[in-house]
Protein backbone atom coordinates (compact mmCIF):
# COMPACT_ATOMS: atom_id res chain seq x y z
CA MET A 1 -31.06 -14.49 0.24
CA SER A 2 -33.03 -12.20 -1.40
CA GLU A 3 -31.80 -9.79 -3.84
CA SER A 4 -29.60 -7.42 -2.63
CA THR A 5 -28.47 -4.05 -3.46
CA VAL A 6 -24.48 -3.31 -4.19
CA LEU A 7 -23.86 -0.14 -4.33
CA VAL A 8 -20.99 1.07 -6.37
CA LEU A 9 -18.63 3.98 -5.29
CA GLY A 10 -16.70 5.06 -8.97
CA SER A 11 -17.64 6.63 -12.24
CA ASP A 12 -15.70 3.32 -13.42
CA PRO A 13 -17.53 0.37 -13.86
CA PRO A 14 -16.24 -2.48 -12.63
CA PRO A 15 -15.56 -5.25 -14.82
CA LYS A 16 -17.39 -8.80 -14.30
CA LEU A 17 -20.26 -7.79 -11.92
CA ASP A 18 -22.78 -9.84 -14.26
CA ARG A 19 -22.04 -12.61 -12.06
CA LEU A 20 -24.15 -10.83 -9.38
CA ALA A 21 -27.09 -11.23 -11.81
CA GLY A 22 -30.48 -12.63 -10.22
CA ARG A 23 -28.91 -11.62 -6.91
CA ALA A 24 -28.39 -8.03 -7.27
CA ARG A 25 -29.34 -5.13 -8.04
CA VAL A 26 -25.98 -3.03 -8.87
CA VAL A 27 -26.42 1.00 -8.95
CA HIS A 28 -23.61 3.75 -8.41
CA ALA A 29 -22.76 6.56 -6.84
CA ASP A 30 -20.36 9.29 -6.37
CA ALA A 31 -19.52 11.79 -3.47
CA ALA A 32 -22.35 13.94 -4.36
CA THR A 33 -25.00 11.25 -3.94
CA LEU A 34 -22.91 8.00 -1.78
CA ALA A 35 -25.30 9.77 1.35
CA ASP A 36 -28.14 9.59 -0.09
CA ARG A 37 -27.75 6.18 -1.47
CA LEU A 38 -26.01 4.52 1.59
CA PRO A 39 -29.33 3.82 4.09
CA THR A 40 -30.60 1.67 0.39
CA ALA A 41 -27.63 -0.35 0.09
CA ASP A 42 -26.76 -4.10 1.86
CA VAL A 43 -23.04 -4.34 0.48
CA LEU A 44 -20.89 -1.02 -0.71
CA LEU A 45 -18.24 -1.75 -2.79
CA ALA A 46 -15.95 1.02 -2.96
CA TRP A 47 -14.49 0.57 -6.25
CA ASP A 48 -12.73 3.79 -6.28
CA PHE A 49 -10.68 3.73 -3.52
CA THR A 50 -8.98 6.77 -3.78
CA SER A 51 -12.26 8.82 -2.38
CA ASP A 52 -12.37 10.16 0.99
CA ALA A 53 -16.06 10.29 0.61
CA ILE A 54 -17.15 6.95 2.14
CA ARG A 55 -15.53 8.82 5.66
CA ASP A 56 -17.59 11.78 5.04
CA ALA A 57 -21.10 10.55 4.05
CA TRP A 58 -21.27 7.38 6.47
CA PRO A 59 -24.46 7.45 8.32
CA ALA A 60 -23.64 7.27 12.65
CA ARG A 61 -27.25 5.68 12.78
CA GLY A 62 -29.67 4.46 10.45
CA PRO A 63 -29.73 1.51 8.09
CA ARG A 64 -26.27 1.17 6.57
CA PRO A 65 -24.58 -1.58 4.35
CA GLY A 66 -24.12 -4.73 6.12
CA TRP A 67 -20.85 -4.82 4.32
CA VAL A 68 -18.14 -2.73 2.87
CA HIS A 69 -15.05 -3.67 0.60
CA THR A 70 -12.40 -1.67 -0.76
CA ALA A 71 -10.84 -2.81 -3.55
CA SER A 72 -7.11 -1.44 -2.35
CA ALA A 73 -4.98 -3.37 0.08
CA GLY A 74 -5.21 -0.05 2.71
CA VAL A 75 -8.48 1.01 4.61
CA ASP A 76 -7.00 4.59 5.84
CA ARG A 77 -9.22 6.27 3.25
CA LEU A 78 -12.93 4.94 4.37
CA LEU A 79 -12.57 4.30 8.27
CA CYS A 80 -14.04 6.46 10.19
CA PRO A 81 -15.31 6.86 14.26
CA ALA A 82 -18.74 5.88 12.61
CA LEU A 83 -17.95 2.58 10.76
CA VAL A 84 -15.64 1.32 13.59
CA ALA A 85 -18.05 1.71 16.36
CA ASP A 86 -20.55 -0.75 14.04
CA ASP A 87 -21.03 -3.72 13.45
CA THR A 88 -20.33 -3.17 9.04
CA LEU A 89 -17.97 -5.89 8.23
CA VAL A 90 -14.86 -4.71 5.95
CA THR A 91 -13.00 -6.71 3.35
CA ASN A 92 -9.60 -5.33 1.21
CA ALA A 93 -8.32 -6.74 -1.94
CA ARG A 94 -5.68 -8.50 -0.16
CA GLY A 95 -3.97 -11.20 -2.13
CA VAL A 96 -4.15 -9.20 -5.76
CA PHE A 97 -1.35 -6.16 -5.37
CA GLU A 98 1.61 -7.87 -3.34
CA GLN A 99 3.73 -9.92 -5.56
CA PRO A 100 3.21 -6.83 -8.17
CA ILE A 101 4.16 -4.46 -5.68
CA ALA A 102 7.23 -6.65 -4.80
CA GLU A 103 8.34 -6.54 -7.62
CA TYR A 104 8.03 -3.37 -8.71
CA VAL A 105 10.28 -2.86 -5.44
CA ALA A 106 12.63 -5.35 -6.25
CA GLY A 107 13.20 -3.60 -9.73
CA LEU A 108 13.94 0.01 -8.27
CA VAL A 109 16.42 -1.81 -6.05
CA LEU A 110 18.08 -3.23 -9.13
CA ALA A 111 18.53 0.14 -10.62
CA MET A 112 19.38 2.02 -7.61
CA ALA A 113 22.20 -0.74 -7.15
CA LYS A 114 22.93 -0.90 -11.03
CA ASP A 115 22.89 2.74 -11.69
CA PHE A 116 20.59 2.70 -14.48
CA HIS A 117 19.42 6.11 -14.23
CA GLY A 118 23.07 6.91 -14.40
CA SER A 119 23.38 4.53 -17.84
CA TRP A 120 20.04 6.54 -19.09
CA GLU A 121 21.62 9.79 -18.71
CA TRP A 122 25.60 8.99 -20.16
CA GLN A 123 23.72 7.63 -23.15
CA ARG A 124 21.55 10.90 -23.65
CA GLN A 125 24.67 12.86 -23.84
CA ARG A 126 26.34 10.24 -25.62
CA ARG A 127 29.33 9.30 -23.50
CA TRP A 128 30.55 6.06 -22.64
CA ARG A 129 31.51 6.43 -18.92
CA HIS A 130 32.07 3.41 -17.43
CA ARG A 131 31.21 2.72 -13.22
CA ASP A 132 31.66 -0.36 -10.84
CA THR A 133 27.88 -0.77 -9.67
CA ARG A 134 26.80 -2.70 -6.56
CA ARG A 135 26.19 -6.25 -6.03
CA LEU A 136 22.74 -6.66 -4.41
CA ALA A 137 23.65 -10.08 -2.68
CA GLY A 138 25.12 -9.71 0.43
CA THR A 139 23.16 -6.27 1.24
CA HIS A 140 20.71 -5.59 4.30
CA ALA A 141 17.21 -4.51 3.67
CA VAL A 142 14.89 -3.74 6.49
CA VAL A 143 11.42 -3.63 5.29
CA VAL A 144 8.45 -2.29 7.52
CA GLY A 145 5.01 -3.70 7.32
CA SER A 146 4.79 -7.35 7.90
CA GLY A 147 1.46 -7.66 6.46
CA PRO A 148 1.12 -9.65 2.76
CA ILE A 149 2.75 -6.84 0.98
CA GLY A 150 5.73 -6.14 2.91
CA ARG A 151 6.37 -10.17 3.23
CA ALA A 152 6.16 -10.15 -0.16
CA VAL A 153 8.41 -7.71 -0.84
CA GLY A 154 10.82 -9.92 1.94
CA THR A 155 10.73 -12.50 -0.02
CA THR A 156 11.17 -11.55 -3.15
CA LEU A 157 14.53 -9.46 -2.25
CA LYS A 158 15.98 -12.58 -0.17
CA ALA A 159 15.48 -14.55 -3.54
CA LEU A 160 18.06 -11.86 -4.89
CA GLY A 161 20.71 -12.61 -2.22
CA VAL A 162 19.65 -9.87 0.45
CA THR A 163 19.43 -10.08 4.09
CA VAL A 164 15.86 -9.07 5.08
CA ASP A 165 14.91 -7.95 8.44
CA LEU A 166 11.05 -7.88 8.59
CA VAL A 167 9.56 -4.97 11.34
CA GLY A 168 5.89 -5.46 12.41
CA ARG A 169 3.60 -4.26 15.25
CA ARG A 170 5.05 -6.67 17.41
CA GLU A 171 7.61 -9.14 18.10
CA ARG A 172 7.27 -12.74 16.54
CA THR A 173 9.31 -15.43 16.26
CA GLY A 174 9.38 -18.64 14.96
CA ASP A 175 8.28 -17.30 11.55
CA ALA A 176 9.04 -19.96 8.94
CA GLN A 177 10.47 -17.47 6.15
CA PHE A 178 12.08 -14.46 8.15
CA GLY A 179 12.76 -16.57 11.72
CA THR A 180 12.14 -13.35 14.06
CA VAL A 181 9.76 -10.72 12.89
CA ARG A 182 10.78 -7.56 14.63
CA ALA A 183 8.70 -5.41 16.91
CA SER A 184 8.64 -1.72 15.84
CA GLU A 185 10.41 -0.71 18.70
CA ALA A 186 13.55 -2.12 17.20
CA LEU A 187 13.16 -0.18 14.19
CA ARG A 188 15.19 2.67 15.18
CA PRO A 189 18.40 0.27 15.90
CA LEU A 190 18.12 -1.83 12.89
CA LEU A 191 18.25 1.35 10.38
CA GLY A 192 21.98 1.98 10.70
CA GLY A 193 22.67 -1.15 9.66
CA ALA A 194 20.63 -1.44 6.51
CA ASP A 195 21.34 -0.64 2.85
CA TRP A 196 17.62 -0.76 1.51
CA VAL A 197 14.52 0.53 3.34
CA VAL A 198 11.21 -0.52 2.50
CA CYS A 199 8.02 1.29 4.00
CA ALA A 200 5.31 -1.40 3.16
CA ALA A 201 3.03 -0.56 6.65
CA PRO A 202 -0.44 0.06 6.66
CA LEU A 203 -1.76 3.73 7.59
CA THR A 204 -2.43 4.29 10.97
CA ASP A 205 -2.65 6.60 13.91
CA ALA A 206 0.55 4.74 14.95
CA THR A 207 2.51 4.56 11.47
CA ARG A 208 1.77 8.18 10.31
CA GLY A 209 4.45 10.08 10.08
CA LEU A 210 6.89 6.78 11.07
CA PHE A 211 9.46 8.23 8.68
CA GLY A 212 10.71 11.81 9.65
CA PRO A 213 13.70 13.71 10.46
CA GLU A 214 14.66 11.11 13.28
CA THR A 215 14.28 8.26 11.00
CA PHE A 216 16.02 9.27 8.44
CA ALA A 217 18.88 11.06 10.41
CA ALA A 218 19.07 6.66 12.15
CA MET A 219 19.63 5.20 8.84
CA ARG A 220 23.45 4.80 7.42
CA PRO A 221 24.90 7.25 5.19
CA GLY A 222 24.58 6.11 1.64
CA ALA A 223 21.27 3.98 2.35
CA HIS A 224 18.51 3.64 0.09
CA PHE A 225 14.67 4.06 0.91
CA VAL A 226 11.40 2.66 -0.51
CA ASN A 227 7.62 3.75 -0.01
CA VAL A 228 4.99 1.63 -1.27
CA GLY A 229 2.76 2.41 1.58
CA ARG A 230 0.93 5.54 1.96
CA GLY A 231 2.26 9.48 1.50
CA PRO A 232 1.34 10.31 4.73
CA LEU A 233 3.97 7.48 6.60
CA VAL A 234 6.49 9.74 5.25
CA ASP A 235 7.48 13.67 6.04
CA GLU A 236 8.23 14.58 2.74
CA ASP A 237 10.07 17.69 3.39
CA ALA A 238 12.49 15.81 5.53
CA LEU A 239 13.09 13.26 2.82
CA VAL A 240 14.11 16.07 0.41
CA GLU A 241 16.42 17.59 3.01
CA ALA A 242 17.93 13.94 3.29
CA LEU A 243 18.81 13.40 -0.33
CA ARG A 244 19.78 17.14 -0.76
CA SER A 245 22.56 16.69 2.19
CA GLY A 246 23.71 13.37 0.38
CA HIS A 247 22.80 11.15 3.71
CA LEU A 248 20.59 9.36 1.67
CA ALA A 249 22.20 7.75 -1.81
CA ALA A 250 18.63 7.95 -3.02
CA ALA A 251 14.92 6.86 -2.85
CA ALA A 252 11.76 6.06 -4.45
CA LEU A 253 8.10 7.24 -3.84
CA ASP A 254 5.27 5.50 -5.16
CA VAL A 255 2.85 7.12 -2.57
CA PHE A 256 2.22 10.91 -1.53
CA GLN A 257 0.67 13.29 0.97
CA GLN A 258 -1.12 14.74 -1.73
CA GLU A 259 -1.78 12.57 -5.24
CA PRO A 260 -1.50 13.43 -7.85
CA LEU A 261 1.58 15.07 -7.00
CA PRO A 262 1.46 19.14 -7.55
CA SER A 263 3.71 20.18 -10.19
CA GLY A 264 5.33 22.23 -7.64
CA SER A 265 6.46 20.19 -5.15
CA PRO A 266 9.96 19.83 -4.34
CA LEU A 267 10.05 16.09 -4.42
CA TRP A 268 9.98 16.68 -8.70
CA ASP A 269 13.51 17.72 -8.39
CA ALA A 270 15.02 16.26 -4.91
CA PRO A 271 18.57 14.65 -6.08
CA GLY A 272 18.74 10.78 -6.26
CA LEU A 273 14.43 10.49 -6.13
CA ILE A 274 12.47 8.18 -8.49
CA VAL A 275 8.79 9.37 -8.23
CA SER A 276 6.08 6.93 -9.87
CA PRO A 277 2.16 8.01 -9.82
CA HIS A 278 0.67 5.30 -7.31
CA MET A 279 1.32 2.34 -9.87
CA SER A 280 3.27 0.08 -8.08
CA GLY A 281 0.77 -2.85 -7.72
CA ASP A 282 -1.17 -2.11 -10.99
CA THR A 283 -0.55 -4.38 -13.49
CA LEU A 284 -2.25 -5.89 -17.02
CA GLY A 285 -5.57 -7.24 -16.03
CA TRP A 286 -5.32 -6.18 -12.19
CA ARG A 287 -8.99 -4.23 -12.41
CA ASP A 288 -10.31 -8.12 -13.50
CA ALA A 289 -8.71 -9.52 -10.32
CA LEU A 290 -9.96 -6.97 -8.17
CA ALA A 291 -13.39 -7.27 -9.77
CA GLU A 292 -13.75 -11.33 -9.33
CA GLN A 293 -12.39 -11.27 -6.01
CA PHE A 294 -15.52 -9.00 -5.02
CA ALA A 295 -17.76 -11.73 -6.97
CA ASP A 296 -15.95 -14.87 -5.03
CA ASN A 297 -16.65 -12.96 -1.57
CA PHE A 298 -20.20 -11.75 -2.42
CA ASP A 299 -20.78 -15.66 -3.47
CA ARG A 300 -19.72 -16.18 0.59
CA TRP A 301 -21.70 -13.40 1.53
CA ALA A 302 -24.94 -14.15 -0.36
CA ALA A 303 -24.43 -17.93 0.76
CA GLY A 304 -24.06 -16.82 4.66
CA GLU A 305 -20.52 -17.80 4.51
CA PRO A 306 -17.55 -15.93 6.38
CA LEU A 307 -16.17 -13.87 4.05
CA HIS A 308 -12.24 -13.34 3.23
CA ASN A 309 -10.36 -10.43 3.83
CA VAL A 310 -12.02 -9.39 6.79
CA VAL A 311 -10.25 -5.97 8.40
CA ASP A 312 -9.66 -5.54 12.40
CA LYS A 313 -11.26 -1.64 12.28
CA ARG A 314 -9.24 -1.19 15.15
CA LEU A 315 -6.24 -2.00 14.01
CA GLY A 316 -7.20 -0.62 10.57
CA TYR A 317 -5.97 -3.89 8.69
CA VAL A 318 -6.62 -7.52 8.48
CA PRO A 319 -4.58 -9.20 11.08
CA VAL A 320 -1.74 -11.87 10.41
CA ARG A 321 -2.74 -15.34 12.13
């Protein structure tokens, strides 16, 4: 293959792309220049995975990149009708974020069960306040999203003694880790028996607004909710109401409908809510891991070999085989 043009969307240059030297010319674009530069690119690296610029700039006709890679697990920010319809390959960062996010969720669940927030608050007030906390082993979690992140979350919680029901788009039996993966239609009945409900689903037309007033009402009183999927999966006003009413004991959000979260959002003051700035998968060295993953896949692209992590653009994620 002759020298390719790799167009990088983002102002923060990725590390380790010197591996492409002699095989690719690396150029950069921002939201303002992306549309003009897309027709000249063979490959597009969406390094700024928080940008919606690709959806707005993707050409409906004419030259366009043959491959788009996003440095994120979700692809909802870049898929648009023109990109879904054409033959451009889309790949994602599957394999980088799963275990860090699972560890983050486990930390949140432990913090809620052991009332770390209460301990910090009583310490701040210099008050000695003994309490009984919950034992995690023997509790029940429903993890929504049966992709790699949901599976890692479920496996990590199981290691802590939690019984886990994994919910996906469709039912699958004979799963080596979870026995039966439940279909999305089974979610509502499962919620009433869950101490912990973790959302790790991709954002699609079918999952948008999945957690709203009826879903929260179906949860057991005193349940806990965590979202590490995408912000629009959750009706945030309904979550605030479920916390204020006391129906939910606590919740944690790492993703939001609007990011950064506005200072005037009621989420900041919602009782029992932990707010974190979309950081559950970001551990030391994550940018290097993302760049190496792209470079490895570029090696395959340059050699004419099948790419890893190819997204089914109509589903909106990499299918589990």
